[in-house]
N, C-alpha and C. Protein backbone atom coordinates (compact mmCIF):
# COMPACT_ATOMS: atom_id res chain seq x y z
N UNK A 1 69.32 77.70 -82.88
CA UNK A 1 69.81 78.38 -81.70
C UNK A 1 69.38 77.60 -80.46
N UNK A 2 70.28 77.36 -79.55
CA UNK A 2 69.94 76.53 -78.39
C UNK A 2 69.09 77.23 -77.33
N UNK A 3 68.91 78.56 -77.41
CA UNK A 3 68.05 79.25 -76.46
C UNK A 3 66.63 79.25 -77.00
N UNK A 4 65.70 78.73 -76.22
CA UNK A 4 64.30 78.65 -76.60
C UNK A 4 63.51 79.66 -75.78
N UNK A 5 62.65 80.44 -76.44
CA UNK A 5 61.82 81.43 -75.76
C UNK A 5 60.41 80.86 -75.65
N UNK A 6 59.93 80.75 -74.41
CA UNK A 6 58.63 80.16 -74.14
C UNK A 6 57.57 81.18 -73.73
N UNK A 7 57.58 82.34 -74.39
CA UNK A 7 56.59 83.37 -74.06
C UNK A 7 55.18 82.86 -74.34
N UNK A 8 54.99 82.13 -75.42
CA UNK A 8 53.66 81.61 -75.76
C UNK A 8 53.09 80.73 -74.65
N UNK A 9 53.95 79.92 -74.06
CA UNK A 9 53.51 79.03 -72.98
C UNK A 9 53.01 79.84 -71.80
N UNK A 10 53.78 80.87 -71.43
CA UNK A 10 53.38 81.70 -70.29
C UNK A 10 52.14 82.52 -70.61
N UNK A 11 52.01 82.99 -71.85
CA UNK A 11 50.81 83.72 -72.24
C UNK A 11 49.57 82.83 -72.11
N UNK A 12 49.69 81.59 -72.54
CA UNK A 12 48.56 80.65 -72.44
C UNK A 12 48.22 80.38 -70.98
N UNK A 13 49.23 80.20 -70.15
CA UNK A 13 48.98 79.93 -68.73
C UNK A 13 48.30 81.11 -68.05
N UNK A 14 48.64 82.32 -68.49
CA UNK A 14 48.07 83.53 -67.88
C UNK A 14 46.82 84.02 -68.60
N UNK A 15 46.44 83.30 -69.67
CA UNK A 15 45.28 83.66 -70.49
C UNK A 15 45.36 85.13 -70.93
N UNK A 16 46.50 85.47 -71.50
CA UNK A 16 46.77 86.84 -71.93
C UNK A 16 47.12 86.83 -73.41
N UNK A 17 46.72 87.86 -74.13
CA UNK A 17 47.06 87.95 -75.55
C UNK A 17 48.43 88.58 -75.74
N UNK A 18 49.00 88.35 -76.89
CA UNK A 18 50.29 88.95 -77.22
C UNK A 18 50.17 90.47 -77.24
N UNK A 19 49.07 90.96 -77.78
CA UNK A 19 48.84 92.40 -77.85
C UNK A 19 48.81 93.02 -76.46
N UNK A 20 48.12 92.37 -75.53
CA UNK A 20 48.03 92.87 -74.16
C UNK A 20 49.41 92.89 -73.50
N UNK A 21 50.19 91.82 -73.69
CA UNK A 21 51.53 91.77 -73.12
C UNK A 21 52.40 92.87 -73.70
N UNK A 22 52.36 93.05 -75.00
CA UNK A 22 53.17 94.08 -75.65
C UNK A 22 52.84 95.46 -75.08
N UNK A 23 51.56 95.74 -74.92
CA UNK A 23 51.15 97.04 -74.37
C UNK A 23 51.64 97.23 -72.94
N UNK A 24 51.49 96.21 -72.12
CA UNK A 24 51.88 96.31 -70.71
C UNK A 24 53.39 96.41 -70.53
N UNK A 25 54.14 95.76 -71.43
CA UNK A 25 55.60 95.77 -71.34
C UNK A 25 56.18 97.03 -71.98
N UNK A 26 55.47 97.55 -72.97
CA UNK A 26 55.95 98.74 -73.66
C UNK A 26 56.83 98.44 -74.85
N UNK A 27 56.55 97.33 -75.53
CA UNK A 27 57.26 96.99 -76.76
C UNK A 27 56.24 96.84 -77.89
N UNK A 28 56.72 96.86 -79.10
CA UNK A 28 55.80 96.72 -80.23
C UNK A 28 55.38 95.26 -80.38
N UNK A 29 54.19 95.04 -80.91
CA UNK A 29 53.77 93.66 -81.19
C UNK A 29 54.74 92.96 -82.14
N UNK A 30 55.34 93.71 -83.06
CA UNK A 30 56.31 93.11 -83.99
C UNK A 30 57.54 92.60 -83.25
N UNK A 31 58.04 93.38 -82.29
CA UNK A 31 59.21 92.93 -81.52
C UNK A 31 58.86 91.74 -80.64
N UNK A 32 57.66 91.72 -80.09
CA UNK A 32 57.24 90.57 -79.28
C UNK A 32 57.14 89.33 -80.17
N UNK A 33 56.65 89.50 -81.39
CA UNK A 33 56.55 88.39 -82.33
C UNK A 33 57.92 87.82 -82.66
N UNK A 34 58.89 88.68 -82.85
CA UNK A 34 60.27 88.23 -83.12
C UNK A 34 60.78 87.41 -81.95
N UNK A 35 60.48 87.86 -80.75
CA UNK A 35 60.91 87.14 -79.55
C UNK A 35 60.20 85.79 -79.46
N UNK A 36 58.90 85.78 -79.69
CA UNK A 36 58.11 84.55 -79.57
C UNK A 36 58.50 83.49 -80.60
N UNK A 37 58.93 83.92 -81.77
CA UNK A 37 59.27 82.96 -82.83
C UNK A 37 60.74 82.56 -82.81
N UNK A 38 61.44 82.91 -81.72
CA UNK A 38 62.85 82.55 -81.55
C UNK A 38 63.75 83.14 -82.63
N UNK A 39 63.37 84.29 -83.19
CA UNK A 39 64.19 84.95 -84.20
C UNK A 39 65.02 86.08 -83.61
N UNK A 40 64.81 86.37 -82.32
CA UNK A 40 65.55 87.45 -81.67
C UNK A 40 67.00 87.03 -81.44
N UNK A 41 67.90 87.96 -81.63
CA UNK A 41 69.32 87.71 -81.39
C UNK A 41 69.69 88.05 -79.95
N UNK A 42 68.88 88.91 -79.31
CA UNK A 42 69.16 89.34 -77.95
C UNK A 42 67.89 89.89 -77.32
N UNK A 43 67.90 90.02 -76.00
CA UNK A 43 66.82 90.66 -75.28
C UNK A 43 67.45 91.49 -74.16
N UNK A 44 66.96 92.67 -73.98
CA UNK A 44 67.47 93.53 -72.91
C UNK A 44 66.96 92.99 -71.58
N UNK A 45 67.80 93.07 -70.57
CA UNK A 45 67.38 92.64 -69.24
C UNK A 45 66.18 93.44 -68.76
N UNK A 46 66.12 94.71 -69.11
CA UNK A 46 64.98 95.54 -68.68
C UNK A 46 63.67 95.04 -69.31
N UNK A 47 63.73 94.59 -70.56
CA UNK A 47 62.54 94.04 -71.22
C UNK A 47 62.17 92.70 -70.60
N UNK A 48 63.17 91.86 -70.35
CA UNK A 48 62.91 90.57 -69.72
C UNK A 48 62.30 90.77 -68.33
N UNK A 49 62.80 91.75 -67.61
CA UNK A 49 62.27 92.05 -66.27
C UNK A 49 60.80 92.47 -66.35
N UNK A 50 60.46 93.33 -67.31
CA UNK A 50 59.07 93.77 -67.45
C UNK A 50 58.16 92.61 -67.84
N UNK A 51 58.64 91.75 -68.74
CA UNK A 51 57.85 90.58 -69.14
C UNK A 51 57.58 89.70 -67.92
N UNK A 52 58.61 89.48 -67.12
CA UNK A 52 58.45 88.66 -65.91
C UNK A 52 57.50 89.31 -64.92
N UNK A 53 57.57 90.63 -64.78
CA UNK A 53 56.65 91.33 -63.87
C UNK A 53 55.20 91.15 -64.32
N UNK A 54 54.96 91.36 -65.61
CA UNK A 54 53.60 91.28 -66.14
C UNK A 54 53.06 89.85 -66.07
N UNK A 55 53.91 88.88 -66.42
CA UNK A 55 53.45 87.48 -66.44
C UNK A 55 53.61 86.79 -65.08
N UNK A 56 54.16 87.52 -64.10
CA UNK A 56 54.37 86.98 -62.75
C UNK A 56 55.12 85.64 -62.82
N UNK A 57 56.31 85.72 -63.39
CA UNK A 57 57.12 84.52 -63.55
C UNK A 57 58.59 84.87 -63.38
N UNK A 58 59.44 83.89 -63.55
CA UNK A 58 60.88 84.07 -63.47
C UNK A 58 61.48 83.94 -64.88
N UNK A 59 62.67 84.50 -65.11
CA UNK A 59 63.29 84.37 -66.44
C UNK A 59 63.41 82.92 -66.91
N UNK A 60 63.63 82.00 -65.99
CA UNK A 60 63.73 80.58 -66.35
C UNK A 60 62.43 79.99 -66.85
N UNK A 61 61.31 80.65 -66.56
CA UNK A 61 60.02 80.20 -67.08
C UNK A 61 59.86 80.60 -68.54
N UNK A 62 60.61 81.61 -68.95
CA UNK A 62 60.50 82.14 -70.31
C UNK A 62 61.62 81.63 -71.21
N UNK A 63 62.82 81.55 -70.66
CA UNK A 63 63.98 81.14 -71.44
C UNK A 63 64.41 79.73 -71.07
N UNK A 64 64.73 78.95 -72.08
CA UNK A 64 65.18 77.58 -71.86
C UNK A 64 66.42 77.34 -72.74
N UNK A 65 67.22 76.37 -72.37
CA UNK A 65 68.41 76.03 -73.11
C UNK A 65 68.29 74.61 -73.61
N UNK A 66 68.46 74.43 -74.91
CA UNK A 66 68.39 73.10 -75.51
C UNK A 66 69.74 72.80 -76.14
N UNK A 67 70.41 71.84 -75.57
CA UNK A 67 71.75 71.50 -76.04
C UNK A 67 71.67 70.85 -77.43
N UNK A 68 72.46 71.38 -78.33
CA UNK A 68 72.53 70.81 -79.68
C UNK A 68 73.74 69.92 -79.82
N UNK A 69 73.53 68.71 -80.30
CA UNK A 69 74.66 67.79 -80.44
C UNK A 69 75.13 67.72 -81.87
């Protein structure tokens, strides 16, 4: 999939655990894990917004596009 999720990078920069992020965003650790491992098929804008609020970042800091040839 050409969309890359960089939640791990932002978590490391903010020195925050996945568990802490999941609690603050209001999602299960399992769903956050699916997102982090690029296995998610979609993400709700409301969830993306909460992640950005908690990590103090922009959606472009979390989502990246890698062109496949």
